[in-house]
Amino acid sequence: MFSYLDPGTGSMIVTAIAGGAAGLALTGKMGFRRLKSKITGKPISQSESVEDDSDDEDDE
């Protein structure tokens, strides 16, 4: 049953690993922000929860 792997199988495995890593990174980032807000007592502001990179483009 495992004697043949379709050529797309490797790509599917790499994509699944990359998606899982991205999901873990996002979950960790959100968890850290929640923990930080509980420790400092400051609420998570809307501007912190949604990152906007448009500020970097204005500097150019």
C-alpha atoms as a PDB file:
ATOM      1  CA  MET A   1       0.000   0.000   0.000  1.00  0.00           C
ATOM      2  CA  PHE A   2       2.892   2.415   0.718  1.00  0.00           C
ATOM      3  CA  SER A   3       5.010   1.297  -2.226  1.00  0.00           C
ATOM      4  CA  TYR A   4       3.916   4.185  -4.456  1.00  0.00           C
ATOM      5  CA  LEU A   5       3.624   7.860  -3.602  1.00  0.00           C
ATOM      6  CA  ASP A   6       2.129  10.195  -6.153  1.00  0.00           C
ATOM      7  CA  PRO A   7       4.412  13.122  -7.117  1.00  0.00           C
ATOM      8  CA  GLY A   8       1.931  15.560  -5.580  1.00  0.00           C
ATOM      9  CA  THR A   9       2.135  13.851  -2.201  1.00  0.00           C
ATOM     10  CA  GLY A  10       5.380  15.575  -1.233  1.00  0.00           C
ATOM     11  CA  SER A  11       3.919  18.957  -2.094  1.00  0.00           C
ATOM     12  CA  MET A  12       0.808  18.173  -0.068  1.00  0.00           C
ATOM     13  CA  ILE A  13       2.903  17.178   2.957  1.00  0.00           C
ATOM     14  CA  VAL A  14       5.034  20.343   2.731  1.00  0.00           C
ATOM     15  CA  THR A  15       1.904  22.495   2.424  1.00  0.00           C
ATOM     16  CA  ALA A  16       0.307  20.817   5.434  1.00  0.00           C
ATOM     17  CA  ILE A  17       3.447  21.356   7.520  1.00  0.00           C
ATOM     18  CA  ALA A  18       3.699  25.014   6.446  1.00  0.00           C
ATOM     19  CA  GLY A  19       0.030  25.610   7.233  1.00  0.00           C
ATOM     20  CA  GLY A  20       0.382  23.987  10.624  1.00  0.00           C
ATOM     21  CA  ALA A  21       3.440  26.088  11.435  1.00  0.00           C
ATOM     22  CA  ALA A  22       1.611  29.273  10.410  1.00  0.00           C
ATOM     23  CA  GLY A  23      -1.366  28.297  12.551  1.00  0.00           C
ATOM     24  CA  LEU A  24       0.834  27.610  15.554  1.00  0.00           C
ATOM     25  CA  ALA A  25       2.647  30.914  15.095  1.00  0.00           C
ATOM     26  CA  LEU A  26      -0.606  32.861  14.946  1.00  0.00           C
ATOM     27  CA  THR A  27      -2.039  31.026  17.943  1.00  0.00           C
ATOM     28  CA  GLY A  28       1.134  31.708  19.914  1.00  0.00           C
ATOM     29  CA  LYS A  29       1.121  35.377  18.976  1.00  0.00           C
ATOM     30  CA  MET A  30      -2.508  35.813  20.023  1.00  0.00           C
ATOM     31  CA  GLY A  31      -1.945  33.908  23.246  1.00  0.00           C
ATOM     32  CA  PHE A  32       1.094  36.009  24.100  1.00  0.00           C
ATOM     33  CA  ARG A  33      -0.873  39.227  23.542  1.00  0.00           C
ATOM     34  CA  ARG A  34      -3.705  37.995  25.764  1.00  0.00           C
ATOM     35  CA  LEU A  35      -1.260  36.968  28.490  1.00  0.00           C
ATOM     36  CA  LYS A  36       0.547  40.294  28.211  1.00  0.00           C
ATOM     37  CA  SER A  37      -2.728  42.220  28.493  1.00  0.00           C
ATOM     38  CA  LYS A  38      -3.704  40.272  31.610  1.00  0.00           C
ATOM     39  CA  ILE A  39      -0.334  40.921  33.238  1.00  0.00           C
ATOM     40  CA  THR A  40      -0.222  44.635  32.420  1.00  0.00           C
ATOM     41  CA  GLY A  41      -3.945  45.200  32.923  1.00  0.00           C
ATOM     42  CA  LYS A  42      -4.243  47.029  29.613  1.00  0.00           C
ATOM     43  CA  PRO A  43      -6.946  45.881  27.207  1.00  0.00           C
ATOM     44  CA  ILE A  44      -5.947  44.720  23.753  1.00  0.00           C
ATOM     45  CA  SER A  45      -6.678  47.655  21.461  1.00  0.00           C
ATOM     46  CA  GLN A  46      -8.172  47.229  18.006  1.00  0.00           C
ATOM     47  CA  SER A  47      -5.044  48.717  16.398  1.00  0.00           C
ATOM     48  CA  GLU A  48      -2.859  46.082  18.106  1.00  0.00           C
ATOM     49  CA  SER A  49      -5.062  43.143  17.185  1.00  0.00           C
ATOM     50  CA  VAL A  50      -5.154  44.047  13.480  1.00  0.00           C
ATOM     51  CA  GLU A  51      -1.707  44.819  12.183  1.00  0.00           C
ATOM     52  CA  ASP A  52      -1.531  47.261   9.302  1.00  0.00           C
ATOM     53  CA  ASP A  53       1.726  47.592   7.406  1.00  0.00           C
ATOM     54  CA  SER A  54       0.565  50.707   5.567  1.00  0.00           C
ATOM     55  CA  ASP A  55       2.517  52.866   8.049  1.00  0.00           C
ATOM     56  CA  ASP A  56       5.780  51.430   6.709  1.00  0.00           C
ATOM     57  CA  GLU A  57       4.847  52.382   3.144  1.00  0.00           C
ATOM     58  CA  ASP A  58       4.273  56.041   4.093  1.00  0.00           C
ATOM     59  CA  ASP A  59       7.896  56.456   5.221  1.00  0.00           C
ATOM     60  CA  GLU A  60       9.268  55.915   1.715  1.00  0.00           C
END
